[in-house]
Amino acid sequence: MTMKRSSGKDVGAMEFTHSLFRHLMWRSSKLLVADGLQLPPQEEWLSWLSFSPVEEHLYQRQHETCTDHAKSSKDSRLLLNSLLKLRQVCCHPQVGSSGIRSLEQSPMSMDEILSVLTSKTKIEGEEALRKLVSSLNGLAGVAMIRGELSQALLLYKRSINDS
């Protein structure tokens, strides 16, 4: 008579398989081999570190990216990749912080990282300003086509003042 579990698995076959493999394979637990391997006792150390301003900025930037992926993405791989980069940037700003510079080259100092971040942020700011001025000029052009000359003038002046 064979016994069946509610999931439909044959209990007798499972017991036979376990007994067969128990004699063929051997797995030692840590407790059984600790004395022979002379393993030191496991310790846990908790250290709280303070970020420098550059590290804080990098971490916050990566954290925002990770949060955006968590809110918007259904793809768990994208979120897990962001979490990995977030953890890596805690070790060193050059690790996991996309695009600064590969660690295959020499690691950068905090001053070098700050310089790279400053130049990247400057480029991002200039690009954002170009988009703003272009949009304002486009709106001013639409206002001119509609015959709203005073509105067009205000938009053109704003684009000049913002740039």
N, C-alpha and C. Protein backbone atom coordinates (compact mmCIF):
# COMPACT_ATOMS: atom_id res chain seq x y z
N MET A 1 0.85 -1.17 0.00
CA MET A 1 0.00 0.00 0.00
C MET A 1 0.90 1.25 0.00
N THR A 2 0.67 2.14 -0.93
CA THR A 2 1.45 3.36 -0.97
C THR A 2 0.66 4.48 -0.32
N MET A 3 1.40 5.31 0.44
CA MET A 3 0.75 6.44 1.11
C MET A 3 0.96 7.67 0.23
N LYS A 4 -0.06 8.45 0.06
CA LYS A 4 0.03 9.67 -0.74
C LYS A 4 -0.20 10.86 0.17
N ARG A 5 0.59 11.88 -0.03
CA ARG A 5 0.37 13.15 0.65
C ARG A 5 -0.71 13.91 -0.07
N SER A 6 -1.20 14.96 0.56
CA SER A 6 -2.26 15.75 -0.06
C SER A 6 -1.78 16.40 -1.36
N SER A 7 -0.48 16.63 -1.48
CA SER A 7 0.05 17.24 -2.70
C SER A 7 0.19 16.22 -3.83
N GLY A 8 -0.09 14.95 -3.55
CA GLY A 8 -0.03 13.94 -4.59
C GLY A 8 1.32 13.27 -4.70
N LYS A 9 2.27 13.53 -3.82
CA LYS A 9 3.60 12.92 -3.88
C LYS A 9 3.57 11.58 -3.14
N ASP A 10 4.30 10.64 -3.66
CA ASP A 10 4.38 9.31 -3.07
C ASP A 10 5.36 9.36 -1.90
N VAL A 11 4.86 9.20 -0.67
CA VAL A 11 5.70 9.29 0.53
C VAL A 11 6.72 8.15 0.56
N GLY A 12 6.33 6.97 0.14
CA GLY A 12 7.24 5.83 0.14
C GLY A 12 8.43 6.06 -0.78
N ALA A 13 8.17 6.62 -1.95
CA ALA A 13 9.25 6.90 -2.90
C ALA A 13 10.20 7.96 -2.34
N MET A 14 9.63 8.95 -1.67
CA MET A 14 10.47 10.01 -1.07
C MET A 14 11.36 9.41 0.02
N GLU A 15 10.80 8.55 0.87
CA GLU A 15 11.59 7.95 1.95
C GLU A 15 12.69 7.06 1.39
N PHE A 16 12.38 6.30 0.34
CA PHE A 16 13.37 5.43 -0.30
C PHE A 16 14.51 6.27 -0.88
N THR A 17 14.15 7.35 -1.57
CA THR A 17 15.16 8.22 -2.18
C THR A 17 16.05 8.84 -1.11
N HIS A 18 15.45 9.30 -0.03
CA HIS A 18 16.24 9.90 1.06
C HIS A 18 17.18 8.88 1.68
N SER A 19 16.70 7.68 1.92
CA SER A 19 17.57 6.68 2.55
C SER A 19 18.70 6.26 1.61
N LEU A 20 18.41 6.17 0.31
CA LEU A 20 19.44 5.82 -0.66
C LEU A 20 20.53 6.89 -0.72
N PHE A 21 20.12 8.14 -0.86
CA PHE A 21 21.10 9.23 -0.98
C PHE A 21 21.81 9.52 0.33
N ARG A 22 21.20 9.21 1.45
CA ARG A 22 21.84 9.44 2.74
C ARG A 22 23.12 8.63 2.85
N HIS A 23 23.13 7.43 2.23
CA HIS A 23 24.32 6.58 2.30
C HIS A 23 25.34 6.96 1.23
N LEU A 24 24.90 7.60 0.15
CA LEU A 24 25.81 7.96 -0.94
C LEU A 24 26.45 9.32 -0.74
N MET A 25 25.73 10.23 -0.15
CA MET A 25 26.20 11.60 0.01
C MET A 25 26.34 11.94 1.49
N TRP A 26 27.34 12.74 1.77
CA TRP A 26 27.59 13.09 3.16
C TRP A 26 27.68 14.60 3.25
N ARG A 27 26.94 15.13 4.15
CA ARG A 27 26.99 16.58 4.37
C ARG A 27 27.25 16.82 5.85
N SER A 28 28.31 17.54 6.12
CA SER A 28 28.66 17.83 7.50
C SER A 28 28.15 19.21 7.88
N SER A 29 27.64 19.30 9.06
CA SER A 29 27.22 20.61 9.55
C SER A 29 28.41 21.31 10.19
N LYS A 30 28.28 22.59 10.39
CA LYS A 30 29.35 23.38 10.98
C LYS A 30 29.70 22.85 12.38
N LEU A 31 28.68 22.45 13.13
CA LEU A 31 28.92 21.95 14.49
C LEU A 31 29.78 20.68 14.48
N LEU A 32 29.58 19.82 13.47
CA LEU A 32 30.33 18.57 13.41
C LEU A 32 31.79 18.77 13.03
N VAL A 33 32.11 19.81 12.29
CA VAL A 33 33.48 19.99 11.79
C VAL A 33 34.20 21.19 12.42
N ALA A 34 33.56 21.93 13.31
CA ALA A 34 34.16 23.14 13.88
C ALA A 34 35.47 22.84 14.60
N ASP A 35 35.52 21.76 15.37
CA ASP A 35 36.74 21.45 16.10
C ASP A 35 37.87 21.04 15.15
N GLY A 36 37.54 20.23 14.16
CA GLY A 36 38.55 19.77 13.20
C GLY A 36 39.11 20.91 12.36
N LEU A 37 38.28 21.86 12.00
CA LEU A 37 38.73 22.98 11.17
C LEU A 37 39.25 24.14 12.00
N GLN A 38 39.07 24.06 13.29
CA GLN A 38 39.49 25.11 14.22
C GLN A 38 38.93 26.47 13.80
N LEU A 39 37.63 26.48 13.56
CA LEU A 39 36.97 27.72 13.17
C LEU A 39 36.83 28.65 14.37
N PRO A 40 37.18 29.89 14.21
CA PRO A 40 36.98 30.83 15.32
C PRO A 40 35.48 31.10 15.48
N PRO A 41 35.08 31.51 16.66
CA PRO A 41 33.66 31.82 16.84
C PRO A 41 33.25 33.00 15.96
N GLN A 42 32.03 32.95 15.49
CA GLN A 42 31.55 34.02 14.61
C GLN A 42 31.27 35.26 15.45
N GLU A 43 31.69 36.40 14.93
CA GLU A 43 31.47 37.67 15.61
C GLU A 43 30.73 38.61 14.69
N GLU A 44 30.01 39.52 15.27
CA GLU A 44 29.32 40.54 14.48
C GLU A 44 29.76 41.90 14.99
N TRP A 45 30.20 42.74 14.07
CA TRP A 45 30.64 44.09 14.40
C TRP A 45 29.72 45.07 13.70
N LEU A 46 29.26 46.02 14.43
CA LEU A 46 28.39 47.05 13.85
C LEU A 46 29.11 48.38 13.97
N SER A 47 29.34 49.03 12.84
CA SER A 47 30.04 50.32 12.82
C SER A 47 29.17 51.33 12.08
N TRP A 48 29.02 52.50 12.65
CA TRP A 48 28.29 53.58 12.01
C TRP A 48 29.31 54.56 11.46
N LEU A 49 29.20 54.84 10.18
CA LEU A 49 30.13 55.74 9.52
C LEU A 49 29.39 56.99 9.08
N SER A 50 30.12 58.08 9.00
CA SER A 50 29.54 59.33 8.50
C SER A 50 30.06 59.58 7.10
N PHE A 51 29.15 59.93 6.19
CA PHE A 51 29.55 60.25 4.83
C PHE A 51 30.16 61.64 4.78
N SER A 52 31.13 61.80 3.89
CA SER A 52 31.60 63.15 3.56
C SER A 52 30.51 63.77 2.69
N PRO A 53 30.55 65.09 2.49
CA PRO A 53 29.52 65.70 1.63
C PRO A 53 29.45 65.10 0.23
N VAL A 54 30.60 64.75 -0.34
CA VAL A 54 30.61 64.15 -1.67
C VAL A 54 29.95 62.77 -1.63
N GLU A 55 30.33 61.97 -0.64
CA GLU A 55 29.73 60.64 -0.49
C GLU A 55 28.23 60.74 -0.25
N GLU A 56 27.83 61.68 0.57
CA GLU A 56 26.40 61.89 0.86
C GLU A 56 25.64 62.21 -0.42
N HIS A 57 26.21 63.09 -1.24
CA HIS A 57 25.57 63.46 -2.50
C HIS A 57 25.42 62.25 -3.41
N LEU A 58 26.49 61.48 -3.56
CA LEU A 58 26.45 60.29 -4.41
C LEU A 58 25.41 59.30 -3.91
N TYR A 59 25.41 59.08 -2.60
CA TYR A 59 24.47 58.12 -2.02
C TYR A 59 23.03 58.60 -2.24
N GLN A 60 22.76 59.87 -2.00
CA GLN A 60 21.40 60.40 -2.18
C GLN A 60 20.96 60.30 -3.63
N ARG A 61 21.87 60.56 -4.55
CA ARG A 61 21.55 60.45 -5.98
C ARG A 61 21.19 59.01 -6.34
N GLN A 62 21.98 58.07 -5.86
CA GLN A 62 21.71 56.66 -6.14
C GLN A 62 20.43 56.21 -5.43
N HIS A 63 20.19 56.73 -4.23
CA HIS A 63 18.98 56.40 -3.48
C HIS A 63 17.74 56.89 -4.24
N GLU A 64 17.80 58.08 -4.81
CA GLU A 64 16.68 58.61 -5.59
C GLU A 64 16.40 57.74 -6.81
N THR A 65 17.46 57.30 -7.47
CA THR A 65 17.30 56.41 -8.63
C THR A 65 16.64 55.11 -8.20
N CYS A 66 17.10 54.57 -7.10
CA CYS A 66 16.56 53.31 -6.58
C CYS A 66 15.08 53.48 -6.21
N THR A 67 14.74 54.58 -5.57
CA THR A 67 13.36 54.86 -5.19
C THR A 67 12.48 55.00 -6.42
N ASP A 68 12.98 55.70 -7.43
CA ASP A 68 12.21 55.85 -8.68
C ASP A 68 11.94 54.49 -9.32
N HIS A 69 12.94 53.62 -9.34
CA HIS A 69 12.75 52.29 -9.92
C HIS A 69 11.75 51.48 -9.09
N ALA A 70 11.79 51.63 -7.77
CA ALA A 70 10.86 50.89 -6.93
C ALA A 70 9.42 51.34 -7.16
N LYS A 71 9.23 52.64 -7.39
CA LYS A 71 7.88 53.17 -7.59
C LYS A 71 7.33 52.90 -8.98
N SER A 72 8.20 52.92 -9.98
CA SER A 72 7.70 52.91 -11.36
C SER A 72 7.89 51.59 -12.09
N SER A 73 8.78 50.75 -11.65
CA SER A 73 9.13 49.59 -12.45
C SER A 73 8.46 48.32 -11.93
N LYS A 74 7.97 47.55 -12.85
CA LYS A 74 7.45 46.22 -12.52
C LYS A 74 8.55 45.17 -12.62
N ASP A 75 9.68 45.56 -13.20
CA ASP A 75 10.79 44.64 -13.41
C ASP A 75 11.66 44.59 -12.15
N SER A 76 11.63 43.47 -11.45
CA SER A 76 12.37 43.35 -10.20
C SER A 76 13.88 43.39 -10.43
N ARG A 77 14.34 42.97 -11.62
CA ARG A 77 15.78 42.99 -11.89
C ARG A 77 16.32 44.42 -11.88
N LEU A 78 15.53 45.36 -12.40
CA LEU A 78 15.95 46.76 -12.41
C LEU A 78 16.07 47.28 -10.98
N LEU A 79 15.11 46.92 -10.14
CA LEU A 79 15.15 47.34 -8.74
C LEU A 79 16.33 46.70 -8.02
N LEU A 80 16.53 45.40 -8.23
CA LEU A 80 17.64 44.71 -7.57
C LEU A 80 18.99 45.27 -8.02
N ASN A 81 19.10 45.62 -9.29
CA ASN A 81 20.34 46.24 -9.79
C ASN A 81 20.56 47.59 -9.11
N SER A 82 19.49 48.36 -8.94
CA SER A 82 19.61 49.66 -8.27
C SER A 82 20.01 49.48 -6.81
N LEU A 83 19.43 48.49 -6.14
CA LEU A 83 19.79 48.22 -4.75
C LEU A 83 21.25 47.79 -4.63
N LEU A 84 21.71 47.00 -5.59
CA LEU A 84 23.12 46.60 -5.60
C LEU A 84 24.02 47.82 -5.72
N LYS A 85 23.70 48.72 -6.65
CA LYS A 85 24.51 49.93 -6.81
C LYS A 85 24.46 50.80 -5.56
N LEU A 86 23.30 50.85 -4.91
CA LEU A 86 23.17 51.62 -3.67
C LEU A 86 24.08 51.06 -2.59
N ARG A 87 24.13 49.73 -2.47
CA ARG A 87 25.02 49.11 -1.49
C ARG A 87 26.48 49.33 -1.86
N GLN A 88 26.79 49.23 -3.16
CA GLN A 88 28.18 49.38 -3.61
C GLN A 88 28.69 50.79 -3.40
N VAL A 89 27.84 51.79 -3.61
CA VAL A 89 28.30 53.17 -3.48
C VAL A 89 28.65 53.48 -2.02
N CYS A 90 28.12 52.68 -1.09
CA CYS A 90 28.50 52.85 0.32
C CYS A 90 29.94 52.39 0.56
N CYS A 91 30.41 51.44 -0.23
CA CYS A 91 31.78 50.94 -0.07
C CYS A 91 32.79 51.94 -0.62
N HIS A 92 32.54 52.42 -1.82
CA HIS A 92 33.40 53.43 -2.43
C HIS A 92 32.58 54.13 -3.50
N PRO A 93 32.62 55.43 -3.56
CA PRO A 93 31.79 56.16 -4.52
C PRO A 93 32.03 55.77 -5.97
N GLN A 94 33.18 55.22 -6.26
CA GLN A 94 33.49 54.85 -7.63
C GLN A 94 32.86 53.50 -7.99
N VAL A 95 32.53 52.69 -7.01
CA VAL A 95 31.92 51.40 -7.24
C VAL A 95 30.42 51.59 -7.31
N GLY A 96 29.81 51.11 -8.36
CA GLY A 96 28.37 51.13 -8.44
C GLY A 96 27.74 52.47 -8.76
N SER A 97 28.51 53.52 -8.79
CA SER A 97 27.92 54.81 -9.14
C SER A 97 28.12 55.00 -10.62
N SER A 98 27.11 54.72 -11.35
CA SER A 98 27.20 54.62 -12.81
C SER A 98 27.89 55.82 -13.44
N GLY A 99 28.91 55.54 -14.18
CA GLY A 99 29.48 56.55 -15.05
C GLY A 99 30.58 57.41 -14.49
N ILE A 100 30.96 57.32 -13.22
CA ILE A 100 32.07 58.17 -12.76
C ILE A 100 33.35 57.73 -13.43
N ARG A 101 33.78 56.54 -13.16
CA ARG A 101 34.92 55.95 -13.85
C ARG A 101 35.10 54.54 -13.31
N SER A 102 35.47 53.63 -14.15
CA SER A 102 35.63 52.24 -13.76
C SER A 102 36.78 52.10 -12.76
N LEU A 103 36.63 51.15 -11.86
CA LEU A 103 37.72 50.86 -10.91
C LEU A 103 38.85 50.10 -11.58
N GLU A 104 38.65 49.69 -12.84
CA GLU A 104 39.74 49.03 -13.55
C GLU A 104 40.90 49.99 -13.72
N GLN A 105 40.57 51.28 -13.80
CA GLN A 105 41.62 52.30 -13.73
C GLN A 105 41.91 52.48 -12.25
N SER A 106 42.77 53.40 -11.91
CA SER A 106 43.09 53.58 -10.50
C SER A 106 41.92 54.23 -9.77
N PRO A 107 41.72 53.88 -8.50
CA PRO A 107 40.65 54.52 -7.73
C PRO A 107 40.90 56.03 -7.63
N MET A 108 39.83 56.79 -7.66
CA MET A 108 39.95 58.25 -7.59
C MET A 108 39.87 58.71 -6.14
N SER A 109 40.50 59.83 -5.87
CA SER A 109 40.40 60.44 -4.55
C SER A 109 39.07 61.19 -4.47
N MET A 110 38.67 61.60 -3.28
CA MET A 110 37.42 62.34 -3.12
C MET A 110 37.47 63.66 -3.89
N ASP A 111 38.64 64.30 -3.94
CA ASP A 111 38.75 65.55 -4.71
C ASP A 111 38.52 65.30 -6.20
N GLU A 112 39.07 64.19 -6.71
CA GLU A 112 38.85 63.86 -8.12
C GLU A 112 37.39 63.53 -8.39
N ILE A 113 36.76 62.79 -7.48
CA ILE A 113 35.34 62.46 -7.63
C ILE A 113 34.51 63.73 -7.60
N LEU A 114 34.84 64.65 -6.69
CA LEU A 114 34.12 65.92 -6.60
C LEU A 114 34.26 66.70 -7.91
N SER A 115 35.47 66.70 -8.47
CA SER A 115 35.70 67.41 -9.73
C SER A 115 34.86 66.80 -10.86
N VAL A 116 34.82 65.47 -10.94
CA VAL A 116 34.01 64.80 -11.98
C VAL A 116 32.53 65.11 -11.77
N LEU A 117 32.08 65.04 -10.52
CA LEU A 117 30.67 65.33 -10.23
C LEU A 117 30.32 66.77 -10.56
N THR A 118 31.22 67.69 -10.25
CA THR A 118 30.99 69.10 -10.54
C THR A 118 30.85 69.32 -12.03
N SER A 119 31.74 68.71 -12.81
CA SER A 119 31.67 68.91 -14.26
C SER A 119 30.43 68.25 -14.84
N LYS A 120 30.04 67.05 -14.33
CA LYS A 120 28.81 66.40 -14.80
C LYS A 120 27.58 67.23 -14.47
N THR A 121 27.55 67.78 -13.26
CA THR A 121 26.41 68.59 -12.83
C THR A 121 26.33 69.87 -13.64
N LYS A 122 27.48 70.46 -13.97
CA LYS A 122 27.50 71.66 -14.79
C LYS A 122 26.92 71.37 -16.17
N ILE A 123 27.32 70.25 -16.75
CA ILE A 123 26.80 69.86 -18.07
C ILE A 123 25.30 69.60 -18.00
N GLU A 124 24.84 68.91 -16.94
CA GLU A 124 23.40 68.65 -16.77
C GLU A 124 22.63 69.95 -16.61
N GLY A 125 23.19 70.91 -15.86
CA GLY A 125 22.54 72.21 -15.68
C GLY A 125 22.45 72.99 -16.97
N GLU A 126 23.54 72.97 -17.75
CA GLU A 126 23.53 73.67 -19.04
C GLU A 126 22.50 73.06 -19.97
N GLU A 127 22.39 71.74 -19.97
CA GLU A 127 21.41 71.07 -20.82
C GLU A 127 19.99 71.42 -20.39
N ALA A 128 19.75 71.47 -19.09
CA ALA A 128 18.42 71.84 -18.59
C ALA A 128 18.09 73.29 -18.97
N LEU A 129 19.08 74.17 -18.90
CA LEU A 129 18.87 75.56 -19.29
C LEU A 129 18.56 75.67 -20.79
N ARG A 130 19.29 74.91 -21.61
CA ARG A 130 18.99 74.90 -23.05
C ARG A 130 17.56 74.46 -23.31
N LYS A 131 17.10 73.44 -22.61
CA LYS A 131 15.72 72.95 -22.79
C LYS A 131 14.71 74.02 -22.36
N LEU A 132 14.98 74.71 -21.25
CA LEU A 132 14.08 75.75 -20.76
C LEU A 132 13.99 76.89 -21.77
N VAL A 133 15.14 77.38 -22.23
CA VAL A 133 15.15 78.50 -23.18
C VAL A 133 14.45 78.09 -24.48
N SER A 134 14.71 76.88 -24.94
CA SER A 134 14.06 76.39 -26.15
C SER A 134 12.54 76.33 -25.97
N SER A 135 12.10 75.85 -24.83
CA SER A 135 10.66 75.76 -24.56
C SER A 135 10.03 77.14 -24.48
N LEU A 136 10.69 78.07 -23.79
CA LEU A 136 10.16 79.43 -23.68
C LEU A 136 10.09 80.11 -25.05
N ASN A 137 11.12 79.91 -25.86
CA ASN A 137 11.10 80.48 -27.22
C ASN A 137 9.99 79.86 -28.06
N GLY A 138 9.77 78.56 -27.89
CA GLY A 138 8.69 77.91 -28.61
C GLY A 138 7.33 78.44 -28.19
N LEU A 139 7.14 78.63 -26.88
CA LEU A 139 5.88 79.20 -26.38
C LEU A 139 5.70 80.63 -26.88
N ALA A 140 6.78 81.38 -26.92
CA ALA A 140 6.70 82.75 -27.43
C ALA A 140 6.32 82.75 -28.91
N GLY A 141 6.87 81.83 -29.67
CA GLY A 141 6.50 81.71 -31.08
C GLY A 141 5.03 81.38 -31.26
N VAL A 142 4.52 80.47 -30.43
CA VAL A 142 3.09 80.13 -30.49
C VAL A 142 2.24 81.36 -30.14
N ALA A 143 2.69 82.10 -29.12
CA ALA A 143 1.95 83.32 -28.73
C ALA A 143 1.94 84.33 -29.88
N MET A 144 3.05 84.45 -30.61
CA MET A 144 3.09 85.37 -31.76
C MET A 144 2.12 84.92 -32.85
N ILE A 145 2.09 83.63 -33.12
CA ILE A 145 1.18 83.10 -34.14
C ILE A 145 -0.27 83.40 -33.76
N ARG A 146 -0.58 83.30 -32.48
CA ARG A 146 -1.93 83.58 -32.00
C ARG A 146 -2.23 85.08 -31.94
N GLY A 147 -1.23 85.87 -32.15
CA GLY A 147 -1.42 87.32 -32.10
C GLY A 147 -1.31 87.90 -30.70
N GLU A 148 -0.81 87.13 -29.76
CA GLU A 148 -0.64 87.60 -28.38
C GLU A 148 0.78 88.14 -28.23
N LEU A 149 0.99 89.32 -28.80
CA LEU A 149 2.34 89.88 -28.87
C LEU A 149 2.91 90.23 -27.50
N SER A 150 2.07 90.73 -26.58
CA SER A 150 2.59 91.08 -25.25
C SER A 150 3.02 89.82 -24.49
N GLN A 151 2.28 88.73 -24.64
CA GLN A 151 2.66 87.45 -24.00
C GLN A 151 3.95 86.92 -24.63
N ALA A 152 4.06 87.04 -25.96
CA ALA A 152 5.28 86.59 -26.64
C ALA A 152 6.49 87.39 -26.16
N LEU A 153 6.30 88.69 -26.02
CA LEU A 153 7.39 89.54 -25.55
C LEU A 153 7.84 89.14 -24.15
N LEU A 154 6.87 88.88 -23.26
CA LEU A 154 7.20 88.45 -21.89
C LEU A 154 7.99 87.13 -21.91
N LEU A 155 7.56 86.19 -22.74
CA LEU A 155 8.25 84.90 -22.81
C LEU A 155 9.66 85.04 -23.38
N TYR A 156 9.82 85.87 -24.42
CA TYR A 156 11.16 86.10 -24.97
C TYR A 156 12.06 86.76 -23.92
N LYS A 157 11.53 87.75 -23.19
CA LYS A 157 12.32 88.41 -22.15
C LYS A 157 12.71 87.41 -21.06
N ARG A 158 11.77 86.54 -20.70
CA ARG A 158 12.06 85.56 -19.65
C ARG A 158 13.15 84.60 -20.10
N SER A 159 13.11 84.22 -21.38
CA SER A 159 14.15 83.29 -21.87
C SER A 159 15.52 83.96 -21.86
N ILE A 160 15.55 85.26 -22.13
CA ILE A 160 16.82 85.99 -22.11
C ILE A 160 17.31 86.14 -20.67
N ASN A 161 16.40 86.46 -19.76
CA ASN A 161 16.78 86.63 -18.35
C ASN A 161 17.19 85.33 -17.69
N ASP A 162 16.53 84.22 -18.06
CA ASP A 162 16.86 82.92 -17.46
C ASP A 162 18.17 82.39 -17.97
N SER A 163 18.56 82.82 -19.18
CA SER A 163 19.82 82.31 -19.71
C SER A 163 20.93 83.21 -19.25
